[in-house]
Amino acid sequence: MRVIATTTDPVRLSFLRALLADAGIGTVILDAHISAIEGGIGAFPRRLAVVEEDERRARAVMQEAGEETA
C-alpha cells in the first residue's frame, strides 16, 4: 500500500475516495478508527492509500483535479 494523501478533513477524504473510485482505483483509509480515541476532534490525520500498482495513476487523477498528494 502507498499513502497518497493525509488529511484531518473528512469531507476532503470522502471527495478523494469518490474521485479515485470514479477512476476505478480502490482505496483504503488508514487510521480511520482513531476518531474513537480522539473523540472526533480531528487532531489526528487519516491516510488515504492505494495499492502500489495504482499509485502513479491515482496521483495523476488527483493532480488533474487540483488536489495535492502526499
PDB file of N, CA and C in Angstrom:
ATOM      1  N   MET A   1       0.841  -1.177   0.000  1.00  0.00           N
ATOM      2  CA  MET A   1       0.000   0.000   0.000  1.00  0.00           C
ATOM      3  C   MET A   1       0.885   1.238   0.000  1.00  0.00           C
ATOM      4  N   ARG A   2       0.409   2.240  -0.733  1.00  0.00           N
ATOM      5  CA  ARG A   2       1.122   3.520  -0.793  1.00  0.00           C
ATOM      6  C   ARG A   2       0.193   4.643  -0.350  1.00  0.00           C
ATOM      7  N   VAL A   3       0.653   5.454   0.578  1.00  0.00           N
ATOM      8  CA  VAL A   3      -0.133   6.582   1.058  1.00  0.00           C
ATOM      9  C   VAL A   3      -0.029   7.704   0.027  1.00  0.00           C
ATOM     10  N   ILE A   4      -1.184   8.182  -0.436  1.00  0.00           N
ATOM     11  CA  ILE A   4      -1.180   9.246  -1.436  1.00  0.00           C
ATOM     12  C   ILE A   4      -1.755  10.562  -0.914  1.00  0.00           C
ATOM     13  N   ALA A   5      -2.397  10.520   0.244  1.00  0.00           N
ATOM     14  CA  ALA A   5      -2.922  11.750   0.843  1.00  0.00           C
ATOM     15  C   ALA A   5      -3.060  11.563   2.347  1.00  0.00           C
ATOM     16  N   THR A   6      -2.871  12.660   3.058  1.00  0.00           N
ATOM     17  CA  THR A   6      -3.039  12.688   4.504  1.00  0.00           C
ATOM     18  C   THR A   6      -3.854  13.924   4.834  1.00  0.00           C
ATOM     19  N   THR A   7      -4.922  13.747   5.614  1.00  0.00           N
ATOM     20  CA  THR A   7      -5.785  14.880   5.921  1.00  0.00           C
ATOM     21  C   THR A   7      -6.562  14.654   7.218  1.00  0.00           C
ATOM     22  N   THR A   8      -6.923  15.751   7.847  1.00  0.00           N
ATOM     23  CA  THR A   8      -7.819  15.694   9.006  1.00  0.00           C
ATOM     24  C   THR A   8      -9.242  16.076   8.594  1.00  0.00           C
ATOM     25  N   ASP A   9      -9.424  16.410   7.315  1.00  0.00           N
ATOM     26  CA  ASP A   9     -10.714  16.857   6.800  1.00  0.00           C
ATOM     27  C   ASP A   9     -11.513  15.672   6.251  1.00  0.00           C
ATOM     28  N   PRO A  10     -12.579  15.264   6.943  1.00  0.00           N
ATOM     29  CA  PRO A  10     -13.353  14.106   6.479  1.00  0.00           C
ATOM     30  C   PRO A  10     -14.066  14.350   5.149  1.00  0.00           C
ATOM     31  N   VAL A  11     -14.390  15.593   4.855  1.00  0.00           N
ATOM     32  CA  VAL A  11     -15.040  15.906   3.577  1.00  0.00           C
ATOM     33  C   VAL A  11     -14.054  15.725   2.428  1.00  0.00           C
ATOM     34  N   ARG A  12     -12.844  16.225   2.594  1.00  0.00           N
ATOM     35  CA  ARG A  12     -11.810  16.052   1.560  1.00  0.00           C
ATOM     36  C   ARG A  12     -11.502  14.579   1.359  1.00  0.00           C
ATOM     37  N   LEU A  13     -11.419  13.850   2.445  1.00  0.00           N
ATOM     38  CA  LEU A  13     -11.143  12.421   2.361  1.00  0.00           C
ATOM     39  C   LEU A  13     -12.238  11.708   1.562  1.00  0.00           C
ATOM     40  N   SER A  14     -13.468  12.036   1.838  1.00  0.00           N
ATOM     41  CA  SER A  14     -14.592  11.447   1.109  1.00  0.00           C
ATOM     42  C   SER A  14     -14.536  11.822  -0.371  1.00  0.00           C
ATOM     43  N   PHE A  15     -14.212  13.087  -0.651  1.00  0.00           N
ATOM     44  CA  PHE A  15     -14.092  13.539  -2.040  1.00  0.00           C
ATOM     45  C   PHE A  15     -12.998  12.775  -2.779  1.00  0.00           C
ATOM     46  N   LEU A  16     -11.847  12.632  -2.147  1.00  0.00           N
ATOM     47  CA  LEU A  16     -10.737  11.928  -2.791  1.00  0.00           C
ATOM     48  C   LEU A  16     -11.081  10.470  -3.064  1.00  0.00           C
ATOM     49  N   ARG A  17     -11.752   9.840  -2.125  1.00  0.00           N
ATOM     50  CA  ARG A  17     -12.166   8.444  -2.323  1.00  0.00           C
ATOM     51  C   ARG A  17     -13.127   8.333  -3.497  1.00  0.00           C
ATOM     52  N   ALA A  18     -14.092   9.250  -3.591  1.00  0.00           N
ATOM     53  CA  ALA A  18     -15.051   9.236  -4.695  1.00  0.00           C
ATOM     54  C   ALA A  18     -14.361   9.517  -6.019  1.00  0.00           C
ATOM     55  N   LEU A  19     -13.435  10.452  -6.027  1.00  0.00           N
ATOM     56  CA  LEU A  19     -12.685  10.799  -7.224  1.00  0.00           C
ATOM     57  C   LEU A  19     -11.922   9.587  -7.753  1.00  0.00           C
ATOM     58  N   LEU A  20     -11.245   8.902  -6.848  1.00  0.00           N
ATOM     59  CA  LEU A  20     -10.460   7.731  -7.264  1.00  0.00           C
ATOM     60  C   LEU A  20     -11.358   6.552  -7.620  1.00  0.00           C
ATOM     61  N   ALA A  21     -12.469   6.391  -6.930  1.00  0.00           N
ATOM     62  CA  ALA A  21     -13.412   5.317  -7.251  1.00  0.00           C
ATOM     63  C   ALA A  21     -13.971   5.510  -8.658  1.00  0.00           C
ATOM     64  N   ASP A  22     -14.257   6.759  -9.028  1.00  0.00           N
ATOM     65  CA  ASP A  22     -14.741   7.050 -10.381  1.00  0.00           C
ATOM     66  C   ASP A  22     -13.719   6.674 -11.437  1.00  0.00           C
ATOM     67  N   ALA A  23     -12.440   6.704 -11.067  1.00  0.00           N
ATOM     68  CA  ALA A  23     -11.364   6.318 -11.981  1.00  0.00           C
ATOM     69  C   ALA A  23     -11.073   4.823 -11.909  1.00  0.00           C
ATOM     70  N   GLY A  24     -11.840   4.098 -11.100  1.00  0.00           N
ATOM     71  CA  GLY A  24     -11.642   2.657 -10.977  1.00  0.00           C
ATOM     72  C   GLY A  24     -10.500   2.263 -10.066  1.00  0.00           C
ATOM     73  N   ILE A  25     -10.121   3.148  -9.173  1.00  0.00           N
ATOM     74  CA  ILE A  25      -8.998   2.898  -8.268  1.00  0.00           C
ATOM     75  C   ILE A  25      -9.548   2.671  -6.859  1.00  0.00           C
ATOM     76  N   GLY A  26      -9.243   1.522  -6.292  1.00  0.00           N
ATOM     77  CA  GLY A  26      -9.667   1.204  -4.934  1.00  0.00           C
ATOM     78  C   GLY A  26      -8.787   1.899  -3.911  1.00  0.00           C
ATOM     79  N   THR A  27      -9.374   2.271  -2.796  1.00  0.00           N
ATOM     80  CA  THR A  27      -8.633   2.964  -1.744  1.00  0.00           C
ATOM     81  C   THR A  27      -8.878   2.314  -0.391  1.00  0.00           C
ATOM     82  N   VAL A  28      -7.970   2.606   0.528  1.00  0.00           N
ATOM     83  CA  VAL A  28      -8.088   2.167   1.913  1.00  0.00           C
ATOM     84  C   VAL A  28      -7.771   3.371   2.788  1.00  0.00           C
ATOM     85  N   ILE A  29      -8.595   3.583   3.805  1.00  0.00           N
ATOM     86  CA  ILE A  29      -8.319   4.662   4.753  1.00  0.00           C
ATOM     87  C   ILE A  29      -7.597   4.059   5.950  1.00  0.00           C
ATOM     88  N   LEU A  30      -6.413   4.559   6.203  1.00  0.00           N
ATOM     89  CA  LEU A  30      -5.625   4.122   7.349  1.00  0.00           C
ATOM     90  C   LEU A  30      -5.866   5.094   8.497  1.00  0.00           C
ATOM     91  N   ASP A  31      -5.875   4.617   9.688  1.00  0.00           N
ATOM     92  CA  ASP A  31      -6.098   5.402  10.903  1.00  0.00           C
ATOM     93  C   ASP A  31      -7.543   5.885  11.029  1.00  0.00           C
ATOM     94  N   ALA A  32      -8.484   5.227  10.364  1.00  0.00           N
ATOM     95  CA  ALA A  32      -9.882   5.655  10.394  1.00  0.00           C
ATOM     96  C   ALA A  32     -10.499   5.505  11.773  1.00  0.00           C
ATOM     97  N   HIS A  33     -10.048   4.553  12.549  1.00  0.00           N
ATOM     98  CA  HIS A  33     -10.667   4.304  13.844  1.00  0.00           C
ATOM     99  C   HIS A  33     -10.058   5.122  14.981  1.00  0.00           C
ATOM    100  N   ILE A  34      -9.112   5.965  14.651  1.00  0.00           N
ATOM    101  CA  ILE A  34      -8.506   6.807  15.684  1.00  0.00           C
ATOM    102  C   ILE A  34      -9.525   7.800  16.237  1.00  0.00           C
ATOM    103  N   SER A  35     -10.571   8.116  15.447  1.00  0.00           N
ATOM    104  CA  SER A  35     -11.569   9.085  15.910  1.00  0.00           C
ATOM    105  C   SER A  35     -12.276   8.608  17.167  1.00  0.00           C
ATOM    106  N   ALA A  36     -12.366   7.309  17.365  1.00  0.00           N
ATOM    107  CA  ALA A  36     -12.977   6.786  18.587  1.00  0.00           C
ATOM    108  C   ALA A  36     -12.132   7.131  19.807  1.00  0.00           C
ATOM    109  N   ILE A  37     -10.842   7.203  19.605  1.00  0.00           N
ATOM    110  CA  ILE A  37      -9.925   7.516  20.695  1.00  0.00           C
ATOM    111  C   ILE A  37      -9.827   9.025  20.919  1.00  0.00           C
ATOM    112  N   GLU A  38      -9.809   9.785  19.822  1.00  0.00           N
ATOM    113  CA  GLU A  38      -9.631  11.231  19.935  1.00  0.00           C
ATOM    114  C   GLU A  38     -10.922  11.973  20.245  1.00  0.00           C
ATOM    115  N   GLY A  39     -12.045  11.308  20.160  1.00  0.00           N
ATOM    116  CA  GLY A  39     -13.317  11.949  20.455  1.00  0.00           C
ATOM    117  C   GLY A  39     -13.855  12.794  19.318  1.00  0.00           C
ATOM    118  N   GLY A  40     -13.364  12.550  18.105  1.00  0.00           N
ATOM    119  CA  GLY A  40     -13.870  13.262  16.930  1.00  0.00           C
ATOM    120  C   GLY A  40     -13.402  14.696  16.792  1.00  0.00           C
ATOM    121  N   ILE A  41     -12.302  15.072  17.450  1.00  0.00           N
ATOM    122  CA  ILE A  41     -11.845  16.455  17.383  1.00  0.00           C
ATOM    123  C   ILE A  41     -11.006  16.739  16.130  1.00  0.00           C
ATOM    124  N   GLY A  42     -10.646  15.717  15.375  1.00  0.00           N
ATOM    125  CA  GLY A  42      -9.902  15.922  14.137  1.00  0.00           C
ATOM    126  C   GLY A  42      -8.437  16.229  14.320  1.00  0.00           C
ATOM    127  N   ALA A  43      -7.862  15.829  15.426  1.00  0.00           N
ATOM    128  CA  ALA A  43      -6.457  16.132  15.705  1.00  0.00           C
ATOM    129  C   ALA A  43      -5.501  15.186  14.983  1.00  0.00           C
ATOM    130  N   PHE A  44      -5.961  13.994  14.671  1.00  0.00           N
ATOM    131  CA  PHE A  44      -5.090  13.003  14.042  1.00  0.00           C
ATOM    132  C   PHE A  44      -5.485  12.817  12.580  1.00  0.00           C
ATOM    133  N   PRO A  45      -4.532  12.949  11.669  1.00  0.00           N
ATOM    134  CA  PRO A  45      -4.863  12.812  10.250  1.00  0.00           C
ATOM    135  C   PRO A  45      -5.146  11.366   9.866  1.00  0.00           C
ATOM    136  N   ARG A  46      -6.008  11.219   8.895  1.00  0.00           N
ATOM    137  CA  ARG A  46      -6.269   9.927   8.284  1.00  0.00           C
ATOM    138  C   ARG A  46      -5.431   9.867   7.014  1.00  0.00           C
ATOM    139  N   ARG A  47      -4.999   8.659   6.653  1.00  0.00           N
ATOM    140  CA  ARG A  47      -4.181   8.484   5.459  1.00  0.00           C
ATOM    141  C   ARG A  47      -4.975   7.712   4.416  1.00  0.00           C
ATOM    142  N   LEU A  48      -4.916   8.176   3.182  1.00  0.00           N
ATOM    143  CA  LEU A  48      -5.571   7.512   2.067  1.00  0.00           C
ATOM    144  C   LEU A  48      -4.503   6.750   1.295  1.00  0.00           C
ATOM    145  N   ALA A  49      -4.728   5.454   1.114  1.00  0.00           N
ATOM    146  CA  ALA A  49      -3.725   4.612   0.472  1.00  0.00           C
ATOM    147  C   ALA A  49      -4.332   3.838  -0.691  1.00  0.00           C
ATOM    148  N   VAL A  50      -3.469   3.505  -1.640  1.00  0.00           N
ATOM    149  CA  VAL A  50      -3.835   2.676  -2.791  1.00  0.00           C
ATOM    150  C   VAL A  50      -2.783   1.587  -2.930  1.00  0.00           C
ATOM    151  N   VAL A  51      -3.098   0.557  -3.696  1.00  0.00           N
ATOM    152  CA  VAL A  51      -2.094  -0.478  -3.942  1.00  0.00           C
ATOM    153  C   VAL A  51      -0.987   0.117  -4.795  1.00  0.00           C
ATOM    154  N   GLU A  52       0.188  -0.414  -4.661  1.00  0.00           N
ATOM    155  CA  GLU A  52       1.371   0.120  -5.325  1.00  0.00           C
ATOM    156  C   GLU A  52       1.184   0.257  -6.842  1.00  0.00           C
ATOM    157  N   GLU A  53       0.502  -0.689  -7.447  1.00  0.00           N
ATOM    158  CA  GLU A  53       0.313  -0.673  -8.904  1.00  0.00           C
ATOM    159  C   GLU A  53      -0.553   0.507  -9.362  1.00  0.00           C
ATOM    160  N   ASP A  54      -1.400   1.038  -8.484  1.00  0.00           N
ATOM    161  CA  ASP A  54      -2.294   2.144  -8.840  1.00  0.00           C
ATOM    162  C   ASP A  54      -1.759   3.514  -8.425  1.00  0.00           C
ATOM    163  N   GLU A  55      -0.614   3.547  -7.773  1.00  0.00           N
ATOM    164  CA  GLU A  55      -0.120   4.805  -7.214  1.00  0.00           C
ATOM    165  C   GLU A  55       0.069   5.887  -8.275  1.00  0.00           C
ATOM    166  N   ARG A  56       0.753   5.587  -9.338  1.00  0.00           N
ATOM    167  CA  ARG A  56       1.038   6.597 -10.367  1.00  0.00           C
ATOM    168  C   ARG A  56      -0.258   7.151 -10.963  1.00  0.00           C
ATOM    169  N   ARG A  57      -1.189   6.263 -11.296  1.00  0.00           N
ATOM    170  CA  ARG A  57      -2.457   6.685 -11.887  1.00  0.00           C
ATOM    171  C   ARG A  57      -3.284   7.488 -10.883  1.00  0.00           C
ATOM    172  N   ALA A  58      -3.282   7.071  -9.614  1.00  0.00           N
ATOM    173  CA  ALA A  58      -4.029   7.782  -8.578  1.00  0.00           C
ATOM    174  C   ALA A  58      -3.485   9.193  -8.392  1.00  0.00           C
ATOM    175  N   ARG A  59      -2.185   9.333  -8.373  1.00  0.00           N
ATOM    176  CA  ARG A  59      -1.584  10.662  -8.235  1.00  0.00           C
ATOM    177  C   ARG A  59      -1.929  11.546  -9.432  1.00  0.00           C
ATOM    178  N   ALA A  60      -1.952  10.959 -10.624  1.00  0.00           N
ATOM    179  CA  ALA A  60      -2.299  11.719 -11.832  1.00  0.00           C
ATOM    180  C   ALA A  60      -3.747  12.198 -11.780  1.00  0.00           C
ATOM    181  N   VAL A  61      -4.649  11.327 -11.335  1.00  0.00           N
ATOM    182  CA  VAL A  61      -6.064  11.693 -11.215  1.00  0.00           C
ATOM    183  C   VAL A  61      -6.231  12.821 -10.208  1.00  0.00           C
ATOM    184  N   MET A  62      -5.551  12.712  -9.095  1.00  0.00           N
ATOM    185  CA  MET A  62      -5.649  13.738  -8.055  1.00  0.00           C
ATOM    186  C   MET A  62      -5.074  15.072  -8.537  1.00  0.00           C
ATOM    187  N   GLN A  63      -3.941  15.043  -9.204  1.00  0.00           N
ATOM    188  CA  GLN A  63      -3.328  16.275  -9.698  1.00  0.00           C
ATOM    189  C   GLN A  63      -4.203  16.924 -10.765  1.00  0.00           C
ATOM    190  N   GLU A  64      -4.828  16.116 -11.595  1.00  0.00           N
ATOM    191  CA  GLU A  64      -5.726  16.651 -12.613  1.00  0.00           C
ATOM    192  C   GLU A  64      -6.917  17.367 -11.978  1.00  0.00           C
ATOM    193  N   ALA A  65      -7.332  16.903 -10.810  1.00  0.00           N
ATOM    194  CA  ALA A  65      -8.438  17.523 -10.086  1.00  0.00           C
ATOM    195  C   ALA A  65      -7.977  18.698  -9.221  1.00  0.00           C
ATOM    196  N   GLY A  66      -6.687  18.983  -9.245  1.00  0.00           N
ATOM    197  CA  GLY A  66      -6.158  20.101  -8.462  1.00  0.00           C
ATOM    198  C   GLY A  66      -5.894  19.775  -7.007  1.00  0.00           C
ATOM    199  N   GLU A  67      -5.781  18.500  -6.700  1.00  0.00           N
ATOM    200  CA  GLU A  67      -5.534  18.065  -5.326  1.00  0.00           C
ATOM    201  C   GLU A  67      -4.055  17.725  -5.127  1.00  0.00           C
ATOM    202  N   GLU A  68      -3.537  18.079  -3.959  1.00  0.00           N
ATOM    203  CA  GLU A  68      -2.164  17.737  -3.608  1.00  0.00           C
ATOM    204  C   GLU A  68      -2.082  16.270  -3.205  1.00  0.00           C
ATOM    205  N   THR A  69      -0.916  15.680  -3.433  1.00  0.00           N
ATOM    206  CA  THR A  69      -0.688  14.307  -2.991  1.00  0.00           C
ATOM    207  C   THR A  69       0.416  14.318  -1.938  1.00  0.00           C
ATOM    208  N   ALA A  70       0.416  13.291  -1.100  1.00  0.00           N
ATOM    209  CA  ALA A  70       1.403  13.184  -0.016  1.00  0.00           C
ATOM    210  C   ALA A  70       2.755  12.779  -0.555  1.00  0.00           C
TER     211      ALA A  70
END
